């Protein structure tokens, strides 16, 4: 689910950049990888919840929070996964992640 009301510019920039892929990196209970998008902080927060999908301006990177860990620095949380979040714990460092539009 996109959080278009909270971070409309981030949602639009990510949507327009799709599809993209990257090699997974792991930080605690977070998957992240560099993406070809540069977005300024938009209502950035240093607090996330399980299932949050965020853009990390310092990366720039795409981040999926699948546990209780928190970002290293503020992120633009622009989407949320509501089901099967636990499956992200099966991702290993170096796995290729593909993000594409599903309408």
C-alpha atoms as a PDB file:
ATOM      1  CA  UNK A   1       0.000   0.000   0.000  1.00  0.00           C
ATOM      2  CA  UNK A   2       1.424   3.377  -1.027  1.00  0.00           C
ATOM      3  CA  UNK A   3       1.367   6.195   1.541  1.00  0.00           C
ATOM      4  CA  UNK A   4       0.639   8.900  -1.013  1.00  0.00           C
ATOM      5  CA  UNK A   5      -0.900  11.335   1.457  1.00  0.00           C
ATOM      6  CA  UNK A   6       2.142  11.316   3.762  1.00  0.00           C
ATOM      7  CA  UNK A   7       4.904  11.389   1.114  1.00  0.00           C
ATOM      8  CA  UNK A   8       3.451  12.137  -2.334  1.00  0.00           C
ATOM      9  CA  UNK A   9       6.718  13.245  -3.965  1.00  0.00           C
ATOM     10  CA  UNK A  10       8.557  10.127  -2.808  1.00  0.00           C
ATOM     11  CA  UNK A  11       5.731   7.865  -4.032  1.00  0.00           C
ATOM     12  CA  UNK A  12       5.709   9.542  -7.426  1.00  0.00           C
ATOM     13  CA  UNK A  13       9.493   9.445  -7.876  1.00  0.00           C
ATOM     14  CA  UNK A  14       9.731   5.760  -6.920  1.00  0.00           C
ATOM     15  CA  UNK A  15       6.717   4.815  -9.080  1.00  0.00           C
ATOM     16  CA  UNK A  16       8.158   6.657 -12.085  1.00  0.00           C
ATOM     17  CA  UNK A  17      11.534   4.911 -11.663  1.00  0.00           C
ATOM     18  CA  UNK A  18      10.078   1.384 -11.685  1.00  0.00           C
ATOM     19  CA  UNK A  19      11.135  -1.226 -12.556  1.00  0.00           C
ATOM     20  CA  UNK A  20      14.521  -1.415 -10.880  1.00  0.00           C
ATOM     21  CA  UNK A  21      16.619  -4.075  -9.194  1.00  0.00           C
ATOM     22  CA  UNK A  22      19.543  -4.286  -6.837  1.00  0.00           C
ATOM     23  CA  UNK A  23      21.700  -6.594  -4.760  1.00  0.00           C
ATOM     24  CA  UNK A  24      20.350  -6.984  -1.261  1.00  0.00           C
ATOM     25  CA  UNK A  25      22.349  -5.720   1.666  1.00  0.00           C
ATOM     26  CA  UNK A  26      21.270  -6.498   5.216  1.00  0.00           C
ATOM     27  CA  UNK A  27      21.310  -4.250   8.273  1.00  0.00           C
ATOM     28  CA  UNK A  28      19.765  -5.895  11.330  1.00  0.00           C
ATOM     29  CA  UNK A  29      16.158  -6.653  10.222  1.00  0.00           C
ATOM     30  CA  UNK A  30      16.254  -4.463   7.135  1.00  0.00           C
ATOM     31  CA  UNK A  31      16.955  -5.150   3.468  1.00  0.00           C
ATOM     32  CA  UNK A  32      18.315  -2.263   1.442  1.00  0.00           C
ATOM     33  CA  UNK A  33      19.942  -1.606  -1.924  1.00  0.00           C
ATOM     34  CA  UNK A  34      20.916   1.369  -4.049  1.00  0.00           C
ATOM     35  CA  UNK A  35      18.414   2.652  -6.589  1.00  0.00           C
ATOM     36  CA  UNK A  36      18.680   5.167  -9.453  1.00  0.00           C
ATOM     37  CA  UNK A  37      16.545   7.794  -7.704  1.00  0.00           C
ATOM     38  CA  UNK A  38      17.510  10.903  -5.757  1.00  0.00           C
ATOM     39  CA  UNK A  39      14.821  12.356  -3.524  1.00  0.00           C
ATOM     40  CA  UNK A  40      15.242  14.958  -0.788  1.00  0.00           C
ATOM     41  CA  UNK A  41      13.954  14.114   2.687  1.00  0.00           C
ATOM     42  CA  UNK A  42      10.147  14.355   2.694  1.00  0.00           C
ATOM     43  CA  UNK A  43       8.652  14.197   6.184  1.00  0.00           C
ATOM     44  CA  UNK A  44      11.627  11.935   6.963  1.00  0.00           C
ATOM     45  CA  UNK A  45      11.471   9.882  10.132  1.00  0.00           C
ATOM     46  CA  UNK A  46      13.986   7.915  12.173  1.00  0.00           C
ATOM     47  CA  UNK A  47      11.253   5.547  13.376  1.00  0.00           C
ATOM     48  CA  UNK A  48       9.833   2.681  11.311  1.00  0.00           C
ATOM     49  CA  UNK A  49       7.459  -0.228  11.823  1.00  0.00           C
ATOM     50  CA  UNK A  50       7.554  -3.829  10.674  1.00  0.00           C
ATOM     51  CA  UNK A  51       6.448  -3.867   7.026  1.00  0.00           C
ATOM     52  CA  UNK A  52       7.526  -0.304   6.211  1.00  0.00           C
ATOM     53  CA  UNK A  53       9.078   0.344   2.815  1.00  0.00           C
ATOM     54  CA  UNK A  54      11.228   3.436   2.798  1.00  0.00           C
ATOM     55  CA  UNK A  55      13.609   5.519   0.755  1.00  0.00           C
ATOM     56  CA  UNK A  56      16.896   6.336   2.466  1.00  0.00           C
ATOM     57  CA  UNK A  57      18.128   9.708   1.120  1.00  0.00           C
ATOM     58  CA  UNK A  58      21.696   9.123   2.320  1.00  0.00           C
ATOM     59  CA  UNK A  59      21.973   5.942   0.217  1.00  0.00           C
ATOM     60  CA  UNK A  60      20.194   6.609  -1.950  1.00  0.00           C
ATOM     61  CA  UNK A  61      18.520   3.303  -1.222  1.00  0.00           C
ATOM     62  CA  UNK A  62      15.273   1.335  -1.188  1.00  0.00           C
ATOM     63  CA  UNK A  63      14.646  -0.215   2.252  1.00  0.00           C
ATOM     64  CA  UNK A  64      12.316  -2.920   3.545  1.00  0.00           C
ATOM     65  CA  UNK A  65      11.931  -3.178   7.322  1.00  0.00           C
ATOM     66  CA  UNK A  66      10.817  -6.711   8.187  1.00  0.00           C
ATOM     67  CA  UNK A  67      11.480  -6.700  11.945  1.00  0.00           C
ATOM     68  CA  UNK A  68      12.028  -4.367  14.853  1.00  0.00           C
ATOM     69  CA  UNK A  69      15.207  -2.639  13.645  1.00  0.00           C
ATOM     70  CA  UNK A  70      15.288   1.082  12.996  1.00  0.00           C
ATOM     71  CA  UNK A  71      17.043   3.026  10.219  1.00  0.00           C
ATOM     72  CA  UNK A  72      20.589   4.327  10.657  1.00  0.00           C
ATOM     73  CA  UNK A  73      19.311   7.815   9.780  1.00  0.00           C
ATOM     74  CA  UNK A  74      15.937   9.322   8.747  1.00  0.00           C
ATOM     75  CA  UNK A  75      14.011   7.754   5.861  1.00  0.00           C
ATOM     76  CA  UNK A  76      10.994   8.629   3.706  1.00  0.00           C
ATOM     77  CA  UNK A  77       8.552   5.803   4.468  1.00  0.00           C
ATOM     78  CA  UNK A  78       6.322   5.679   1.386  1.00  0.00           C
ATOM     79  CA  UNK A  79       4.656   2.242   1.465  1.00  0.00           C
ATOM     80  CA  UNK A  80       3.713  -0.605   3.749  1.00  0.00           C
ATOM     81  CA  UNK A  81       3.482  -4.373   3.334  1.00  0.00           C
ATOM     82  CA  UNK A  82       0.596  -5.743   5.382  1.00  0.00           C
ATOM     83  CA  UNK A  83       0.994  -9.485   4.922  1.00  0.00           C
ATOM     84  CA  UNK A  84       3.774 -12.064   4.706  1.00  0.00           C
ATOM     85  CA  UNK A  85       6.403  -9.576   5.973  1.00  0.00           C
ATOM     86  CA  UNK A  86       8.224 -12.485   7.622  1.00  0.00           C
ATOM     87  CA  UNK A  87       9.203 -13.852   4.210  1.00  0.00           C
ATOM     88  CA  UNK A  88      11.742 -11.042   3.879  1.00  0.00           C
ATOM     89  CA  UNK A  89      13.820 -12.746   6.586  1.00  0.00           C
ATOM     90  CA  UNK A  90      14.658 -15.406   3.963  1.00  0.00           C
ATOM     91  CA  UNK A  91      16.555 -12.863   1.833  1.00  0.00           C
ATOM     92  CA  UNK A  92      20.334 -13.258   1.911  1.00  0.00           C
ATOM     93  CA  UNK A  93      23.045 -10.691   1.344  1.00  0.00           C
ATOM     94  CA  UNK A  94      23.673 -10.458  -2.418  1.00  0.00           C
ATOM     95  CA  UNK A  95      20.262 -11.765  -3.522  1.00  0.00           C
ATOM     96  CA  UNK A  96      18.919  -9.783  -6.471  1.00  0.00           C
ATOM     97  CA  UNK A  97      15.698  -7.968  -5.612  1.00  0.00           C
ATOM     98  CA  UNK A  98      13.413  -6.828  -8.447  1.00  0.00           C
ATOM     99  CA  UNK A  99      10.800  -4.126  -7.785  1.00  0.00           C
ATOM    100  CA  UNK A 100       8.179  -3.614 -10.469  1.00  0.00           C
ATOM    101  CA  UNK A 101       4.730  -2.140 -10.919  1.00  0.00           C
ATOM    102  CA  UNK A 102       1.692  -4.271 -10.211  1.00  0.00           C
ATOM    103  CA  UNK A 103      -1.488  -2.442 -11.072  1.00  0.00           C
END
